[in-house]
C-alpha atoms as a PDB file:
ATOM      1  CA  MET A   1     -75.076  85.739 -80.940  1.00  0.00           C
ATOM      2  CA  ASP A   2     -73.484  89.146 -80.438  1.00  0.00           C
ATOM      3  CA  VAL A   3     -76.067  91.583 -81.773  1.00  0.00           C
ATOM      4  CA  PRO A   4     -74.705  95.040 -82.609  1.00  0.00           C
ATOM      5  CA  THR A   5     -76.749  97.859 -81.130  1.00  0.00           C
ATOM      6  CA  TYR A   6     -79.044 100.051 -83.166  1.00  0.00           C
ATOM      7  CA  ASN A   7     -76.737 103.025 -82.511  1.00  0.00           C
ATOM      8  CA  LYS A   8     -73.630 101.167 -83.672  1.00  0.00           C
ATOM      9  CA  ILE A   9     -75.292 100.107 -86.917  1.00  0.00           C
ATOM     10  CA  ASN A  10     -76.633 103.614 -87.454  1.00  0.00           C
ATOM     11  CA  LEU A  11     -73.173 105.162 -86.950  1.00  0.00           C
ATOM     12  CA  ASN A  12     -71.537 102.725 -89.374  1.00  0.00           C
ATOM     13  CA  MET A  13     -74.283 103.242 -91.927  1.00  0.00           C
ATOM     14  CA  MET A  14     -73.920 107.021 -91.778  1.00  0.00           C
ATOM     15  CA  LYS A  15     -70.350 106.668 -93.075  1.00  0.00           C
ATOM     16  CA  THR A  16     -71.607 105.392 -96.451  1.00  0.00           C
ATOM     17  CA  SER A  17     -72.857 107.157 -99.544  1.00  0.00           C
ATOM     18  CA  MET A  18     -76.241 105.453 -99.024  1.00  0.00           C
ATOM     19  CA  ALA A  19     -76.744 106.962 -95.576  1.00  0.00           C
ATOM     20  CA  MET A  20     -79.610 109.262 -96.525  1.00  0.00           C
ATOM     21  CA  LEU A  21     -81.545 106.644 -98.457  1.00  0.00           C
ATOM     22  CA  TRP A  22     -81.048 103.762 -96.037  1.00  0.00           C
ATOM     23  CA  GLY A  23     -81.237 105.949 -92.942  1.00  0.00           C
ATOM     24  CA  ALA A  24     -84.688 107.154 -93.957  1.00  0.00           C
ATOM     25  CA  GLU A  25     -85.934 103.568 -93.890  1.00  0.00           C
ATOM     26  CA  PHE A  26     -84.106 102.354 -90.785  1.00  0.00           C
ATOM     27  CA  GLY A  27     -85.370 103.054 -87.314  1.00  0.00           C
ATOM     28  CA  GLU A  28     -85.564 101.216 -84.032  1.00  0.00           C
ATOM     29  CA  TRP A  29     -88.699  99.320 -85.082  1.00  0.00           C
ATOM     30  CA  ASN A  30     -87.025  98.094 -88.274  1.00  0.00           C
ATOM     31  CA  TYR A  31     -83.884  97.252 -86.324  1.00  0.00           C
ATOM     32  CA  GLU A  32     -85.960  94.936 -84.105  1.00  0.00           C
ATOM     33  CA  MET A  33     -87.551  93.312 -87.179  1.00  0.00           C
ATOM     34  CA  ASN A  34     -84.112  92.798 -88.749  1.00  0.00           C
ATOM     35  CA  VAL A  35     -82.721  91.187 -85.592  1.00  0.00           C
ATOM     36  CA  GLU A  36     -85.668  88.763 -85.503  1.00  0.00           C
ATOM     37  CA  ILE A  37     -85.212  87.918 -89.192  1.00  0.00           C
ATOM     38  CA  LEU A  38     -81.511  87.217 -88.717  1.00  0.00           C
ATOM     39  CA  LYS A  39     -82.158  85.099 -85.628  1.00  0.00           C
ATOM     40  CA  CYS A  40     -84.484  82.920 -87.714  1.00  0.00           C
ATOM     41  CA  LEU A  41     -81.882  82.676 -90.480  1.00  0.00           C
ATOM     42  CA  TYR A  42     -79.096  81.823 -88.035  1.00  0.00           C
ATOM     43  CA  ASN A  43     -81.173  78.998 -86.547  1.00  0.00           C
ATOM     44  CA  ASN A  44     -80.107  77.017 -89.610  1.00  0.00           C
ATOM     45  CA  LYS A  45     -76.577  75.880 -88.827  1.00  0.00           C
ATOM     46  CA  ASN A  46     -75.992  74.647 -92.389  1.00  0.00           C
ATOM     47  CA  PRO A  47     -77.251  77.422 -94.692  1.00  0.00           C
ATOM     48  CA  GLU A  48     -75.643  75.902 -97.773  1.00  0.00           C
ATOM     49  CA  ARG A  49     -78.350  73.225 -97.622  1.00  0.00           C
ATOM     50  CA  LYS A  50     -81.037  75.924 -97.320  1.00  0.00           C
ATOM     51  CA  ASP A  51     -83.067  73.593 -95.079  1.00  0.00           C
ATOM     52  CA  TYR A  52     -84.678  76.299 -93.020  1.00  0.00           C
ATOM     53  CA  ASP A  53     -87.360  75.297 -90.549  1.00  0.00           C
ATOM     54  CA  GLU A  54     -90.854  75.942 -91.947  1.00  0.00           C
ATOM     55  CA  ASN A  55     -91.785  78.046 -88.898  1.00  0.00           C
ATOM     56  CA  ASP A  56     -88.654  80.173 -89.372  1.00  0.00           C
ATOM     57  CA  LYS A  57     -89.487  80.623 -93.070  1.00  0.00           C
ATOM     58  CA  LYS A  58     -93.023  81.740 -92.210  1.00  0.00           C
ATOM     59  CA  GLU A  59     -91.756  84.145 -89.553  1.00  0.00           C
ATOM     60  CA  ILE A  60     -89.145  85.638 -91.902  1.00  0.00           C
ATOM     61  CA  LYS A  61     -91.770  86.086 -94.607  1.00  0.00           C
ATOM     62  CA  GLN A  62     -94.191  87.716 -92.131  1.00  0.00           C
ATOM     63  CA  LEU A  63     -91.545  90.062 -90.720  1.00  0.00           C
ATOM     64  CA  GLY A  64     -90.580  91.066 -94.256  1.00  0.00           C
ATOM     65  CA  GLN A  65     -94.244  91.659 -95.043  1.00  0.00           C
ATOM     66  CA  ASP A  66     -94.572  93.786 -91.899  1.00  0.00           C
ATOM     67  CA  ILE A  67     -91.640  95.955 -93.030  1.00  0.00           C
ATOM     68  CA  TYR A  68     -93.201  96.231 -96.485  1.00  0.00           C
ATOM     69  CA  ASP A  69     -96.644  97.089 -95.089  1.00  0.00           C
ATOM     70  CA  ARG A  70     -95.147  99.812 -92.932  1.00  0.00           C
ATOM     71  CA  GLY A  71     -92.831 101.419 -95.494  1.00  0.00           C
ATOM     72  CA  GLY A  72     -93.305  99.825 -98.899  1.00  0.00           C
ATOM     73  CA  PHE A  73     -90.730  98.408-101.259  1.00  0.00           C
ATOM     74  CA  ASN A  74     -88.120 101.075-100.471  1.00  0.00           C
ATOM     75  CA  ALA A  75     -88.203 100.117 -96.793  1.00  0.00           C
ATOM     76  CA  LEU A  76     -87.941  96.393 -97.523  1.00  0.00           C
ATOM     77  CA  GLN A  77     -85.072  96.922 -99.945  1.00  0.00           C
ATOM     78  CA  ALA A  78     -83.188  99.311 -97.655  1.00  0.00           C
ATOM     79  CA  ASN A  79     -83.509  96.959 -94.685  1.00  0.00           C
ATOM     80  CA  PHE A  80     -82.323  94.026 -96.795  1.00  0.00           C
ATOM     81  CA  TYR A  81     -79.179  95.986 -97.683  1.00  0.00           C
ATOM     82  CA  ILE A  82     -78.699  97.071 -94.079  1.00  0.00           C
ATOM     83  CA  MET A  83     -78.895  93.448 -92.949  1.00  0.00           C
ATOM     84  CA  SER A  84     -76.499  92.481 -95.750  1.00  0.00           C
ATOM     85  CA  ASN A  85     -73.884  95.114 -95.014  1.00  0.00           C
ATOM     86  CA  PHE A  86     -74.123  96.125 -91.367  1.00  0.00           C
ATOM     87  CA  MET A  87     -75.653  93.280 -89.379  1.00  0.00           C
ATOM     88  CA  ASP A  88     -73.193  90.404 -89.749  1.00  0.00           C
ATOM     89  CA  PHE A  89     -73.205  88.996 -86.235  1.00  0.00           C
ATOM     90  CA  CYS A  90     -72.955  85.382 -87.245  1.00  0.00           C
ATOM     91  CA  GLU A  91     -70.401  83.500 -85.182  1.00  0.00           C
ATOM     92  CA  GLN A  92     -69.870  81.209 -88.179  1.00  0.00           C
ATOM     93  CA  GLY A  93     -68.050  83.817 -90.287  1.00  0.00           C
ATOM     94  CA  ASN A  94     -68.746  86.292 -93.048  1.00  0.00           C
ATOM     95  CA  GLU A  95     -69.210  83.697 -95.814  1.00  0.00           C
ATOM     96  CA  THR A  96     -71.974  82.055 -93.790  1.00  0.00           C
ATOM     97  CA  HIS A  97     -73.650  85.450 -93.335  1.00  0.00           C
ATOM     98  CA  LYS A  98     -73.553  85.970 -97.120  1.00  0.00           C
ATOM     99  CA  THR A  99     -75.161  82.565 -97.634  1.00  0.00           C
ATOM    100  CA  HIS A 100     -77.929  83.436 -95.164  1.00  0.00           C
ATOM    101  CA  ILE A 101     -78.515  86.763 -96.939  1.00  0.00           C
ATOM    102  CA  SER A 102     -78.766  84.939-100.264  1.00  0.00           C
ATOM    103  CA  SER A 103     -81.464  82.761 -98.711  1.00  0.00           C
ATOM    104  CA  LEU A 104     -83.199  85.860 -97.358  1.00  0.00           C
ATOM    105  CA  ASN A 105     -83.362  87.239-100.889  1.00  0.00           C
ATOM    106  CA  ALA A 106     -85.260  84.101-101.941  1.00  0.00           C
ATOM    107  CA  LEU A 107     -87.479  84.123 -98.834  1.00  0.00           C
ATOM    108  CA  PHE A 108     -88.533  87.723 -99.545  1.00  0.00           C
ATOM    109  CA  ASN A 109     -89.719  86.676-103.022  1.00  0.00           C
ATOM    110  CA  ARG A 110     -93.219  87.966-103.806  1.00  0.00           C
ATOM    111  CA  ILE A 111     -93.366  90.412-100.916  1.00  0.00           C
ATOM    112  CA  GLY A 112     -94.644  93.431-102.790  1.00  0.00           C
ATOM    113  CA  GLU A 113     -92.494  93.978-105.872  1.00  0.00           C
ATOM    114  CA  TRP A 114     -89.624  91.811-104.570  1.00  0.00           C
ATOM    115  CA  ARG A 115     -88.556  89.200-107.118  1.00  0.00           C
ATOM    116  CA  TYR A 116     -85.836  86.623-106.763  1.00  0.00           C
END
């Protein structure tokens, strides 16, 4: 898995109209949480089946909760969009990344105000 650096993601993000909003919620700590979340998602080689390992599901949920506890709903939402738009490092292609992100949306359900 070729993980883009924090600086590379930050530079790409700053080129968007959402830079101020997302940038306020994205730091090195959140970057590390996002990488761990995506590693758990990418462990499932067949995301269309959504048969994620129970331990991976628990870890994803806990990491999402940690982001929420640290920065609230705005932080969780911003980091979800950052993972969606700037952290596609899946060797399986962009469509697979989108499928994983769709699963992430469901896995974040009931963290704070998050509803799927």
